């Protein structure tokens, strides 16, 4: 059953990177570590980041977004290389949110949103998977829910919050559908599905 669930769920996450920590961080292949390759990688990936933040593919047609993609390196907070052929681009959340506010693609107060990674464990079947997604979309502090990966009975989500991690924890614990997983070691935010 778990193997069948993994196969079905993998259709929902095709193309998503399990290494992605948040929606402002992207890994891209490069031929070398030259400036021209970095610029090309930024231009090729900024549209995907904007799409995740705005949540609407129509945002990519806006003239200000076209201009931003042409000037993509200006929206980077930092970059590094995870290998000779892979660049890690970290975009500035503030710069992208300011751009989308100017283009009137997100609300002016949207710069208070915070991106966070959430793991949900003990998701045993496809029904539970759909219930987890539906439940997360009803939580008021969560602005958007993006499924990043599925591995056995563990789902990884990127969430955009209207608030901070502590408010999310308190809200999820009050709902009784998710139970916080407590561990002695520092770990990502992890909850166990209770339904």
Foldseek 3Di string as FASTA:
>chain_A
DLVVQQVVVVVVAVPFDPPDFALQKDKDFFPFDDPVRVLVRQLVCVLSSLCVLLVDNVVCVQPLNVVCSNVRVVQFPDKDAPDRTMIMTGGDLVVSVVSCVVSVSDPPPLSLKDKFKEKEFPQAHPVSVVVVVVVVVPQPQWPDWAWRHDDRRMTMIITIGNDDPVVVVVSVVVVVQWAWDDDPDDDGTYTYGDD
